[in-house]
Amino acid sequence: MKTILLSESGNPGAYSESTLEALRAEAGLVHATPSDVASGACKDAEAVFSSWGMPCLSADKIAENLPRLRAVFYAAGSVQAFARPFLERGVRVYSAWLENAVPVAEFAVSQILLANKGFFPLCRLIHSPESRQAAKARLSTFPGNFDCRVGLLGCGGIGRLVAKALSAHRLEMLVFDPLSPRRTGRLAGRPQDRT
């Protein structure tokens, strides 16, 4: 067994069936659990595929039970919870963090645009004819997206994608990122400002 799909749950769920079939055909992928690793059944594994539910193993356990391991391919975001012992053993760790940022950013952008239009409070008001009238009256109190101010907390992978998508709208974006040397800033979102 040269390639294993390792997860606490047996199947991390981030891989489509067609991807799993391709990995089985091309790389001999087999499912493995932490107990399989602990029993020594995975000593020939050279690559681990995983996602949410990746077990945390010590460097000693990796050396003992995965001595040939060269790479971990993680189909999720942060690897902080498990990666350090693998890296200490010289195992390369690859993460799909930026790919996972795409649907999160898309969701965030949709929620921002809907919120500016008053979608969420108005949804609660349209369940009866009387409340529909109240919703119509309140509709004009929401600014919409034109020249609206939006604040972004963090401008890492997700925040940058959100800012890029929102830049297509006429919005003023204020950014605070505690990890950035500049920390705060203003991003132009007005089409006439971007020539």
N, C-alpha and C. Protein backbone atom coordinates (compact mmCIF):
# COMPACT_ATOMS: atom_id res chain seq x y z
N MET A 1 0.85 -1.16 0.00
CA MET A 1 0.00 0.00 0.00
C MET A 1 0.90 1.23 0.00
N LYS A 2 1.02 1.87 -1.14
CA LYS A 2 1.91 3.03 -1.29
C LYS A 2 1.21 4.35 -1.03
N THR A 3 -0.09 4.40 -1.22
CA THR A 3 -0.85 5.63 -1.06
C THR A 3 -2.08 5.35 -0.23
N ILE A 4 -2.28 6.17 0.83
CA ILE A 4 -3.43 5.94 1.69
C ILE A 4 -4.29 7.19 1.82
N LEU A 5 -5.59 6.95 2.00
CA LEU A 5 -6.54 8.00 2.34
C LEU A 5 -6.75 7.88 3.84
N LEU A 6 -6.19 8.82 4.58
CA LEU A 6 -6.15 8.72 6.04
C LEU A 6 -7.09 9.73 6.68
N SER A 7 -7.96 9.22 7.54
CA SER A 7 -8.90 10.10 8.25
C SER A 7 -9.41 9.40 9.49
N GLU A 8 -9.76 10.21 10.48
CA GLU A 8 -10.38 9.66 11.69
C GLU A 8 -11.68 8.94 11.35
N SER A 9 -12.40 9.46 10.35
CA SER A 9 -13.72 8.92 10.02
C SER A 9 -13.68 7.87 8.92
N GLY A 10 -12.56 7.64 8.30
CA GLY A 10 -12.48 6.67 7.21
C GLY A 10 -12.58 7.32 5.85
N ASN A 11 -13.46 8.31 5.69
CA ASN A 11 -13.57 9.04 4.44
C ASN A 11 -13.75 10.52 4.76
N PRO A 12 -12.75 11.35 4.46
CA PRO A 12 -12.84 12.76 4.83
C PRO A 12 -13.87 13.55 4.06
N GLY A 13 -14.43 13.02 2.98
CA GLY A 13 -15.51 13.67 2.29
C GLY A 13 -15.14 14.79 1.35
N ALA A 14 -13.89 15.20 1.28
CA ALA A 14 -13.50 16.30 0.40
C ALA A 14 -13.19 15.82 -1.01
N TYR A 15 -13.08 14.53 -1.19
CA TYR A 15 -12.72 13.97 -2.49
C TYR A 15 -13.96 13.39 -3.16
N SER A 16 -14.16 13.75 -4.43
CA SER A 16 -15.28 13.19 -5.17
C SER A 16 -15.00 11.72 -5.47
N GLU A 17 -16.03 10.99 -5.77
CA GLU A 17 -15.84 9.57 -6.09
C GLU A 17 -14.96 9.40 -7.32
N SER A 18 -15.09 10.30 -8.31
CA SER A 18 -14.25 10.19 -9.51
C SER A 18 -12.77 10.44 -9.17
N THR A 19 -12.51 11.37 -8.23
CA THR A 19 -11.13 11.62 -7.80
C THR A 19 -10.58 10.41 -7.06
N LEU A 20 -11.40 9.82 -6.19
CA LEU A 20 -10.97 8.62 -5.47
C LEU A 20 -10.69 7.47 -6.43
N GLU A 21 -11.56 7.30 -7.43
CA GLU A 21 -11.34 6.25 -8.43
C GLU A 21 -10.03 6.47 -9.17
N ALA A 22 -9.76 7.72 -9.56
CA ALA A 22 -8.51 8.02 -10.27
C ALA A 22 -7.30 7.75 -9.38
N LEU A 23 -7.39 8.12 -8.11
CA LEU A 23 -6.28 7.86 -7.18
C LEU A 23 -6.10 6.36 -6.93
N ARG A 24 -7.19 5.62 -6.89
CA ARG A 24 -7.07 4.16 -6.76
C ARG A 24 -6.37 3.57 -7.97
N ALA A 25 -6.79 4.01 -9.16
CA ALA A 25 -6.23 3.46 -10.40
C ALA A 25 -4.78 3.88 -10.63
N GLU A 26 -4.48 5.16 -10.38
CA GLU A 26 -3.15 5.69 -10.69
C GLU A 26 -2.13 5.49 -9.57
N ALA A 27 -2.61 5.54 -8.31
CA ALA A 27 -1.66 5.53 -7.19
C ALA A 27 -1.92 4.40 -6.20
N GLY A 28 -2.87 3.51 -6.50
CA GLY A 28 -3.15 2.39 -5.60
C GLY A 28 -3.71 2.82 -4.25
N LEU A 29 -4.49 3.89 -4.24
CA LEU A 29 -5.04 4.44 -3.01
C LEU A 29 -5.91 3.42 -2.27
N VAL A 30 -5.68 3.31 -0.95
CA VAL A 30 -6.54 2.50 -0.08
C VAL A 30 -6.91 3.34 1.14
N HIS A 31 -8.08 3.07 1.69
CA HIS A 31 -8.52 3.76 2.91
C HIS A 31 -7.74 3.24 4.11
N ALA A 32 -7.41 4.14 5.03
CA ALA A 32 -6.73 3.77 6.26
C ALA A 32 -7.22 4.64 7.41
N THR A 33 -7.23 4.07 8.58
CA THR A 33 -7.62 4.80 9.79
C THR A 33 -6.38 4.94 10.68
N PRO A 34 -6.45 5.77 11.70
CA PRO A 34 -5.30 5.86 12.63
C PRO A 34 -4.93 4.51 13.25
N SER A 35 -5.93 3.65 13.48
CA SER A 35 -5.60 2.33 14.05
C SER A 35 -4.84 1.47 13.03
N ASP A 36 -5.13 1.64 11.74
CA ASP A 36 -4.34 0.93 10.71
C ASP A 36 -2.89 1.40 10.75
N VAL A 37 -2.71 2.71 10.90
CA VAL A 37 -1.34 3.26 10.97
C VAL A 37 -0.65 2.73 12.22
N ALA A 38 -1.33 2.76 13.37
CA ALA A 38 -0.73 2.31 14.63
C ALA A 38 -0.38 0.83 14.61
N SER A 39 -1.11 0.04 13.85
CA SER A 39 -0.85 -1.41 13.79
C SER A 39 0.33 -1.75 12.89
N GLY A 40 0.85 -0.76 12.16
CA GLY A 40 1.98 -1.02 11.26
C GLY A 40 1.54 -1.43 9.86
N ALA A 41 0.24 -1.38 9.58
CA ALA A 41 -0.27 -1.82 8.27
C ALA A 41 0.06 -0.84 7.15
N CYS A 42 0.54 0.35 7.48
CA CYS A 42 0.77 1.39 6.47
C CYS A 42 2.25 1.72 6.30
N LYS A 43 3.13 0.83 6.72
CA LYS A 43 4.57 1.13 6.71
C LYS A 43 5.13 1.39 5.32
N ASP A 44 4.46 0.88 4.27
CA ASP A 44 4.94 1.11 2.92
C ASP A 44 4.40 2.40 2.30
N ALA A 45 3.52 3.10 3.00
CA ALA A 45 2.89 4.29 2.44
C ALA A 45 3.92 5.38 2.16
N GLU A 46 3.87 5.91 0.95
CA GLU A 46 4.74 7.01 0.55
C GLU A 46 3.98 8.33 0.48
N ALA A 47 2.65 8.24 0.37
CA ALA A 47 1.83 9.45 0.29
C ALA A 47 0.54 9.25 1.06
N VAL A 48 0.12 10.31 1.73
CA VAL A 48 -1.15 10.34 2.46
C VAL A 48 -2.03 11.40 1.81
N PHE A 49 -3.26 11.03 1.52
CA PHE A 49 -4.28 11.98 1.13
C PHE A 49 -5.24 12.09 2.30
N SER A 50 -5.63 13.31 2.64
CA SER A 50 -6.53 13.49 3.76
C SER A 50 -7.29 14.79 3.61
N SER A 51 -8.10 15.10 4.59
CA SER A 51 -8.85 16.35 4.66
C SER A 51 -9.27 16.53 6.10
N TRP A 52 -10.47 17.12 6.34
CA TRP A 52 -10.94 17.27 7.71
C TRP A 52 -10.92 15.90 8.37
N GLY A 53 -10.45 15.85 9.58
CA GLY A 53 -10.34 14.58 10.28
C GLY A 53 -8.96 13.95 10.17
N MET A 54 -7.98 14.72 9.68
CA MET A 54 -6.61 14.22 9.62
C MET A 54 -6.11 14.02 11.04
N PRO A 55 -5.64 12.81 11.38
CA PRO A 55 -5.16 12.57 12.75
C PRO A 55 -3.85 13.30 13.03
N CYS A 56 -3.65 13.64 14.28
CA CYS A 56 -2.40 14.25 14.73
C CYS A 56 -1.48 13.12 15.19
N LEU A 57 -0.31 13.03 14.59
CA LEU A 57 0.65 11.99 14.94
C LEU A 57 1.95 12.65 15.39
N SER A 58 2.61 12.04 16.34
CA SER A 58 3.90 12.56 16.79
C SER A 58 4.98 12.19 15.76
N ALA A 59 6.09 12.90 15.80
CA ALA A 59 7.21 12.60 14.91
C ALA A 59 7.70 11.17 15.13
N ASP A 60 7.69 10.71 16.38
CA ASP A 60 8.12 9.33 16.68
C ASP A 60 7.18 8.32 16.05
N LYS A 61 5.86 8.57 16.14
CA LYS A 61 4.88 7.64 15.55
C LYS A 61 4.99 7.64 14.03
N ILE A 62 5.26 8.80 13.46
CA ILE A 62 5.43 8.87 12.00
C ILE A 62 6.66 8.06 11.60
N ALA A 63 7.76 8.23 12.34
CA ALA A 63 8.99 7.48 12.04
C ALA A 63 8.77 5.99 12.18
N GLU A 64 8.01 5.60 13.20
CA GLU A 64 7.80 4.17 13.45
C GLU A 64 6.79 3.54 12.50
N ASN A 65 5.68 4.24 12.23
CA ASN A 65 4.58 3.62 11.49
C ASN A 65 4.43 4.08 10.04
N LEU A 66 5.10 5.19 9.67
CA LEU A 66 5.06 5.68 8.29
C LEU A 66 6.48 6.04 7.85
N PRO A 67 7.42 5.10 7.95
CA PRO A 67 8.83 5.44 7.73
C PRO A 67 9.16 5.86 6.30
N ARG A 68 8.35 5.47 5.32
CA ARG A 68 8.64 5.80 3.91
C ARG A 68 7.86 7.02 3.42
N LEU A 69 7.08 7.61 4.28
CA LEU A 69 6.20 8.71 3.87
C LEU A 69 7.00 9.90 3.36
N ARG A 70 6.60 10.39 2.19
CA ARG A 70 7.26 11.55 1.58
C ARG A 70 6.36 12.77 1.47
N ALA A 71 5.02 12.56 1.42
CA ALA A 71 4.13 13.70 1.19
C ALA A 71 2.76 13.48 1.81
N VAL A 72 2.17 14.58 2.30
CA VAL A 72 0.78 14.60 2.77
C VAL A 72 0.05 15.62 1.90
N PHE A 73 -1.03 15.19 1.27
CA PHE A 73 -1.87 16.06 0.45
C PHE A 73 -3.17 16.29 1.21
N TYR A 74 -3.36 17.52 1.66
CA TYR A 74 -4.47 17.85 2.55
C TYR A 74 -5.50 18.70 1.81
N ALA A 75 -6.67 18.14 1.59
CA ALA A 75 -7.72 18.81 0.80
C ALA A 75 -8.60 19.67 1.69
N ALA A 76 -7.98 20.52 2.49
CA ALA A 76 -8.73 21.44 3.34
C ALA A 76 -7.86 22.67 3.58
N GLY A 77 -8.12 23.38 4.64
CA GLY A 77 -7.44 24.65 4.90
C GLY A 77 -6.18 24.52 5.71
N SER A 78 -6.20 25.06 6.91
CA SER A 78 -5.00 25.14 7.73
C SER A 78 -4.48 23.76 8.12
N VAL A 79 -3.15 23.64 8.09
CA VAL A 79 -2.48 22.39 8.48
C VAL A 79 -1.85 22.52 9.87
N GLN A 80 -2.11 23.62 10.55
CA GLN A 80 -1.46 23.91 11.83
C GLN A 80 -1.67 22.82 12.88
N ALA A 81 -2.80 22.15 12.85
CA ALA A 81 -3.12 21.17 13.88
C ALA A 81 -2.26 19.90 13.80
N PHE A 82 -1.75 19.58 12.62
CA PHE A 82 -1.07 18.28 12.48
C PHE A 82 0.27 18.33 11.76
N ALA A 83 0.63 19.38 11.08
CA ALA A 83 1.74 19.36 10.12
C ALA A 83 3.14 19.34 10.73
N ARG A 84 3.34 20.01 11.85
CA ARG A 84 4.70 20.19 12.37
C ARG A 84 5.49 18.88 12.50
N PRO A 85 4.93 17.81 13.11
CA PRO A 85 5.71 16.56 13.21
C PRO A 85 6.08 15.96 11.85
N PHE A 86 5.19 16.12 10.87
CA PHE A 86 5.52 15.62 9.53
C PHE A 86 6.67 16.43 8.94
N LEU A 87 6.60 17.74 9.08
CA LEU A 87 7.66 18.59 8.55
C LEU A 87 8.99 18.30 9.24
N GLU A 88 8.96 18.04 10.54
CA GLU A 88 10.18 17.69 11.27
C GLU A 88 10.82 16.42 10.73
N ARG A 89 10.01 15.53 10.19
CA ARG A 89 10.50 14.28 9.62
C ARG A 89 10.88 14.43 8.15
N GLY A 90 10.76 15.64 7.60
CA GLY A 90 11.12 15.86 6.20
C GLY A 90 10.00 15.51 5.23
N VAL A 91 8.80 15.29 5.74
CA VAL A 91 7.65 14.98 4.88
C VAL A 91 7.08 16.30 4.38
N ARG A 92 6.86 16.39 3.08
CA ARG A 92 6.26 17.60 2.50
C ARG A 92 4.76 17.58 2.75
N VAL A 93 4.21 18.74 3.11
CA VAL A 93 2.77 18.87 3.39
C VAL A 93 2.20 19.89 2.41
N TYR A 94 1.20 19.45 1.64
CA TYR A 94 0.54 20.31 0.66
C TYR A 94 -0.90 20.55 1.12
N SER A 95 -1.34 21.79 1.02
CA SER A 95 -2.68 22.14 1.46
C SER A 95 -3.46 22.79 0.33
N ALA A 96 -4.76 22.54 0.33
CA ALA A 96 -5.66 23.16 -0.65
C ALA A 96 -6.33 24.39 -0.05
N TRP A 97 -5.63 25.10 0.83
CA TRP A 97 -6.24 26.20 1.56
C TRP A 97 -6.79 27.28 0.63
N LEU A 98 -6.06 27.60 -0.45
CA LEU A 98 -6.52 28.67 -1.32
C LEU A 98 -7.71 28.21 -2.16
N GLU A 99 -7.71 26.95 -2.56
CA GLU A 99 -8.86 26.42 -3.29
C GLU A 99 -10.10 26.42 -2.41
N ASN A 100 -9.93 26.10 -1.15
CA ASN A 100 -11.05 26.10 -0.21
C ASN A 100 -11.52 27.52 0.10
N ALA A 101 -10.65 28.49 -0.10
CA ALA A 101 -11.04 29.88 0.14
C ALA A 101 -12.05 30.38 -0.89
N VAL A 102 -12.04 29.80 -2.08
CA VAL A 102 -12.92 30.28 -3.16
C VAL A 102 -14.40 30.18 -2.79
N PRO A 103 -14.93 29.00 -2.42
CA PRO A 103 -16.36 28.96 -2.08
C PRO A 103 -16.70 29.76 -0.83
N VAL A 104 -15.77 29.86 0.12
CA VAL A 104 -16.02 30.67 1.31
C VAL A 104 -16.13 32.14 0.92
N ALA A 105 -15.23 32.60 0.06
CA ALA A 105 -15.28 33.99 -0.39
C ALA A 105 -16.54 34.26 -1.20
N GLU A 106 -16.93 33.33 -2.06
CA GLU A 106 -18.17 33.50 -2.84
C GLU A 106 -19.37 33.65 -1.91
N PHE A 107 -19.42 32.81 -0.89
CA PHE A 107 -20.52 32.88 0.07
C PHE A 107 -20.50 34.23 0.80
N ALA A 108 -19.32 34.66 1.24
CA ALA A 108 -19.20 35.93 1.97
C ALA A 108 -19.65 37.10 1.10
N VAL A 109 -19.23 37.12 -0.15
CA VAL A 109 -19.61 38.20 -1.07
C VAL A 109 -21.13 38.22 -1.24
N SER A 110 -21.73 37.05 -1.45
CA SER A 110 -23.19 37.03 -1.63
C SER A 110 -23.91 37.55 -0.39
N GLN A 111 -23.42 37.20 0.79
CA GLN A 111 -24.05 37.66 2.02
C GLN A 111 -23.90 39.16 2.21
N ILE A 112 -22.74 39.71 1.86
CA ILE A 112 -22.52 41.16 1.96
C ILE A 112 -23.46 41.90 1.03
N LEU A 113 -23.54 41.46 -0.23
CA LEU A 113 -24.40 42.14 -1.20
C LEU A 113 -25.87 42.06 -0.80
N LEU A 114 -26.29 40.89 -0.32
CA LEU A 114 -27.68 40.75 0.12
C LEU A 114 -27.96 41.59 1.36
N ALA A 115 -27.02 41.62 2.31
CA ALA A 115 -27.22 42.39 3.54
C ALA A 115 -27.37 43.88 3.24
N ASN A 116 -26.57 44.39 2.30
CA ASN A 116 -26.67 45.81 1.96
C ASN A 116 -28.03 46.17 1.38
N LYS A 117 -28.69 45.21 0.78
CA LYS A 117 -30.02 45.44 0.20
C LYS A 117 -31.14 45.18 1.20
N GLY A 118 -30.79 44.81 2.43
CA GLY A 118 -31.80 44.57 3.45
C GLY A 118 -32.49 43.23 3.34
N PHE A 119 -31.89 42.30 2.63
CA PHE A 119 -32.52 41.00 2.37
C PHE A 119 -32.93 40.28 3.64
N PHE A 120 -32.04 40.21 4.62
CA PHE A 120 -32.30 39.38 5.80
C PHE A 120 -33.43 39.92 6.68
N PRO A 121 -33.41 41.21 7.05
CA PRO A 121 -34.55 41.67 7.86
C PRO A 121 -35.86 41.68 7.06
N LEU A 122 -35.77 41.95 5.76
CA LEU A 122 -36.99 41.98 4.95
C LEU A 122 -37.59 40.58 4.79
N CYS A 123 -36.76 39.55 4.77
CA CYS A 123 -37.27 38.17 4.68
C CYS A 123 -38.19 37.85 5.84
N ARG A 124 -37.86 38.38 7.00
CA ARG A 124 -38.68 38.11 8.18
C ARG A 124 -40.02 38.85 8.11
N LEU A 125 -40.13 39.87 7.27
CA LEU A 125 -41.33 40.69 7.24
C LEU A 125 -42.35 40.31 6.15
N ILE A 126 -42.04 39.36 5.30
CA ILE A 126 -42.92 39.14 4.14
C ILE A 126 -43.85 37.93 4.27
N HIS A 127 -44.12 37.49 5.46
CA HIS A 127 -44.93 36.28 5.63
C HIS A 127 -46.43 36.53 5.64
N SER A 128 -46.87 37.78 5.72
CA SER A 128 -48.30 38.07 5.67
C SER A 128 -48.50 39.34 4.85
N PRO A 129 -49.71 39.56 4.34
CA PRO A 129 -49.94 40.79 3.56
C PRO A 129 -49.60 42.06 4.35
N GLU A 130 -49.92 42.07 5.66
CA GLU A 130 -49.62 43.25 6.46
C GLU A 130 -48.11 43.47 6.58
N SER A 131 -47.40 42.40 6.82
CA SER A 131 -45.96 42.56 6.98
C SER A 131 -45.28 42.83 5.64
N ARG A 132 -45.88 42.39 4.52
CA ARG A 132 -45.33 42.75 3.21
C ARG A 132 -45.39 44.25 3.00
N GLN A 133 -46.46 44.88 3.48
CA GLN A 133 -46.57 46.34 3.40
C GLN A 133 -45.47 47.00 4.24
N ALA A 134 -45.22 46.43 5.42
CA ALA A 134 -44.15 46.96 6.29
C ALA A 134 -42.80 46.80 5.61
N ALA A 135 -42.61 45.67 4.92
CA ALA A 135 -41.35 45.43 4.22
C ALA A 135 -41.16 46.46 3.11
N LYS A 136 -42.22 46.75 2.37
CA LYS A 136 -42.11 47.76 1.31
C LYS A 136 -41.74 49.11 1.89
N ALA A 137 -42.33 49.44 3.03
CA ALA A 137 -42.02 50.72 3.67
C ALA A 137 -40.57 50.77 4.14
N ARG A 138 -40.03 49.66 4.60
CA ARG A 138 -38.66 49.62 5.11
C ARG A 138 -37.63 49.50 4.01
N LEU A 139 -38.05 49.09 2.81
CA LEU A 139 -37.12 48.84 1.72
C LEU A 139 -36.24 50.05 1.44
N SER A 140 -36.82 51.24 1.51
CA SER A 140 -36.05 52.44 1.19
C SER A 140 -35.04 52.80 2.28
N THR A 141 -35.09 52.13 3.44
CA THR A 141 -34.14 52.45 4.51
C THR A 141 -32.81 51.72 4.35
N PHE A 142 -32.72 50.80 3.40
CA PHE A 142 -31.47 50.06 3.19
C PHE A 142 -30.70 50.71 2.04
N PRO A 143 -29.41 50.90 2.20
CA PRO A 143 -28.66 51.67 1.22
C PRO A 143 -28.43 50.96 -0.11
N GLY A 144 -28.55 49.65 -0.15
CA GLY A 144 -28.15 48.94 -1.36
C GLY A 144 -26.64 48.90 -1.44
N ASN A 145 -26.10 48.63 -2.60
CA ASN A 145 -24.65 48.48 -2.73
C ASN A 145 -23.97 49.71 -3.32
N PHE A 146 -24.71 50.63 -3.86
CA PHE A 146 -24.13 51.80 -4.49
C PHE A 146 -23.52 52.72 -3.44
N ASP A 147 -22.22 52.93 -3.49
CA ASP A 147 -21.48 53.78 -2.56
C ASP A 147 -21.60 53.35 -1.10
N CYS A 148 -21.92 52.11 -0.86
CA CYS A 148 -22.03 51.59 0.50
C CYS A 148 -20.63 51.30 1.06
N ARG A 149 -20.48 51.44 2.34
CA ARG A 149 -19.20 51.16 3.00
C ARG A 149 -19.24 49.74 3.55
N VAL A 150 -18.19 48.97 3.26
CA VAL A 150 -18.07 47.58 3.71
C VAL A 150 -16.76 47.44 4.45
N GLY A 151 -16.79 46.79 5.60
CA GLY A 151 -15.57 46.54 6.36
C GLY A 151 -15.16 45.09 6.24
N LEU A 152 -13.89 44.87 5.96
CA LEU A 152 -13.33 43.51 5.89
C LEU A 152 -12.35 43.35 7.05
N LEU A 153 -12.58 42.32 7.85
CA LEU A 153 -11.68 42.01 8.95
C LEU A 153 -10.79 40.87 8.50
N GLY A 154 -9.56 41.17 8.18
CA GLY A 154 -8.62 40.19 7.67
C GLY A 154 -8.56 40.25 6.16
N CYS A 155 -7.36 40.17 5.64
CA CYS A 155 -7.21 40.21 4.19
C CYS A 155 -6.21 39.14 3.76
N GLY A 156 -6.44 37.92 4.32
CA GLY A 156 -5.64 36.77 3.91
C GLY A 156 -6.21 36.20 2.62
N GLY A 157 -6.14 34.90 2.47
CA GLY A 157 -6.61 34.26 1.25
C GLY A 157 -8.07 34.55 0.96
N ILE A 158 -8.93 34.38 1.95
CA ILE A 158 -10.36 34.62 1.76
C ILE A 158 -10.63 36.11 1.60
N GLY A 159 -10.06 36.93 2.48
CA GLY A 159 -10.29 38.37 2.42
C GLY A 159 -9.87 38.99 1.10
N ARG A 160 -8.74 38.55 0.55
CA ARG A 160 -8.31 39.08 -0.75
C ARG A 160 -9.29 38.72 -1.85
N LEU A 161 -9.81 37.48 -1.82
CA LEU A 161 -10.79 37.09 -2.83
C LEU A 161 -12.09 37.87 -2.68
N VAL A 162 -12.51 38.11 -1.44
CA VAL A 162 -13.72 38.90 -1.19
C VAL A 162 -13.51 40.32 -1.71
N ALA A 163 -12.37 40.93 -1.38
CA ALA A 163 -12.08 42.30 -1.83
C ALA A 163 -12.06 42.37 -3.35
N LYS A 164 -11.47 41.38 -3.98
CA LYS A 164 -11.40 41.38 -5.45
C LYS A 164 -12.80 41.30 -6.05
N ALA A 165 -13.63 40.41 -5.52
CA ALA A 165 -14.99 40.27 -6.06
C ALA A 165 -15.82 41.52 -5.79
N LEU A 166 -15.67 42.11 -4.61
CA LEU A 166 -16.44 43.31 -4.29
C LEU A 166 -15.97 44.52 -5.07
N SER A 167 -14.74 44.50 -5.58
CA SER A 167 -14.23 45.64 -6.33
C SER A 167 -14.99 45.86 -7.64
N ALA A 168 -15.75 44.86 -8.07
CA ALA A 168 -16.58 45.02 -9.27
C ALA A 168 -17.83 45.86 -8.99
N HIS A 169 -18.09 46.12 -7.72
CA HIS A 169 -19.26 46.90 -7.32
C HIS A 169 -18.82 48.27 -6.84
N ARG A 170 -19.74 49.21 -6.85
CA ARG A 170 -19.40 50.56 -6.40
C ARG A 170 -19.54 50.61 -4.88
N LEU A 171 -18.51 50.12 -4.21
CA LEU A 171 -18.47 50.06 -2.75
C LEU A 171 -17.21 50.72 -2.24
N GLU A 172 -17.26 51.20 -1.02
CA GLU A 172 -16.05 51.65 -0.35
C GLU A 172 -15.68 50.55 0.64
N MET A 173 -14.47 50.01 0.51
CA MET A 173 -14.05 48.93 1.39
C MET A 173 -12.99 49.41 2.36
N LEU A 174 -13.24 49.16 3.64
CA LEU A 174 -12.28 49.45 4.70
C LEU A 174 -11.76 48.11 5.19
N VAL A 175 -10.45 48.00 5.34
CA VAL A 175 -9.84 46.72 5.67
C VAL A 175 -9.03 46.85 6.96
N PHE A 176 -9.20 45.89 7.84
CA PHE A 176 -8.34 45.76 9.02
C PHE A 176 -7.77 44.35 9.00
N ASP A 177 -6.45 44.25 8.98
CA ASP A 177 -5.79 42.95 9.00
C ASP A 177 -4.70 42.98 10.07
N PRO A 178 -4.91 42.28 11.19
CA PRO A 178 -3.92 42.33 12.27
C PRO A 178 -2.58 41.72 11.89
N LEU A 179 -2.53 40.94 10.82
CA LEU A 179 -1.28 40.31 10.42
C LEU A 179 -0.52 41.11 9.36
N SER A 180 -1.12 42.17 8.88
CA SER A 180 -0.49 42.98 7.85
C SER A 180 0.32 44.10 8.50
N PRO A 181 1.47 44.46 7.92
CA PRO A 181 2.25 45.56 8.47
C PRO A 181 1.47 46.88 8.45
N ARG A 182 0.61 47.08 7.45
CA ARG A 182 -0.17 48.32 7.36
C ARG A 182 -1.40 48.27 8.27
N ARG A 183 -1.88 47.11 8.57
CA ARG A 183 -3.02 46.84 9.44
C ARG A 183 -4.36 47.36 8.92
N THR A 184 -4.45 48.61 8.52
CA THR A 184 -5.72 49.15 8.04
C THR A 184 -5.52 49.80 6.68
N GLY A 185 -6.61 49.94 5.97
CA GLY A 185 -6.52 50.59 4.67
C GLY A 185 -7.88 50.78 4.06
N ARG A 186 -7.88 51.49 2.98
CA ARG A 186 -9.09 51.77 2.24
C ARG A 186 -8.87 51.24 0.83
N LEU A 187 -9.78 50.43 0.34
CA LEU A 187 -9.68 49.90 -1.01
C LEU A 187 -10.70 50.59 -1.88
N ALA A 188 -10.27 51.07 -3.02
CA ALA A 188 -11.20 51.73 -3.95
C ALA A 188 -12.06 50.67 -4.61
N GLY A 189 -13.35 50.87 -4.57
CA GLY A 189 -14.26 49.94 -5.21
C GLY A 189 -15.11 50.61 -6.26
N ARG A 190 -14.85 51.89 -6.53
CA ARG A 190 -15.65 52.60 -7.50
C ARG A 190 -15.09 52.38 -8.89
N PRO A 191 -15.92 51.94 -9.85
CA PRO A 191 -15.43 51.65 -11.19
C PRO A 191 -14.68 52.83 -11.82
N GLN A 192 -15.14 54.09 -11.59
CA GLN A 192 -14.47 55.21 -12.22
C GLN A 192 -13.08 55.43 -11.66
N ASP A 193 -12.78 54.88 -10.46
CA ASP A 193 -11.46 55.03 -9.85
C ASP A 193 -10.45 54.01 -10.42
N ARG A 194 -10.96 53.00 -11.08
CA ARG A 194 -10.07 51.93 -11.56
C ARG A 194 -9.92 52.03 -13.07
N THR A 195 -8.92 52.75 -13.52
CA THR A 195 -8.71 52.89 -14.97
C THR A 195 -7.51 52.13 -15.40
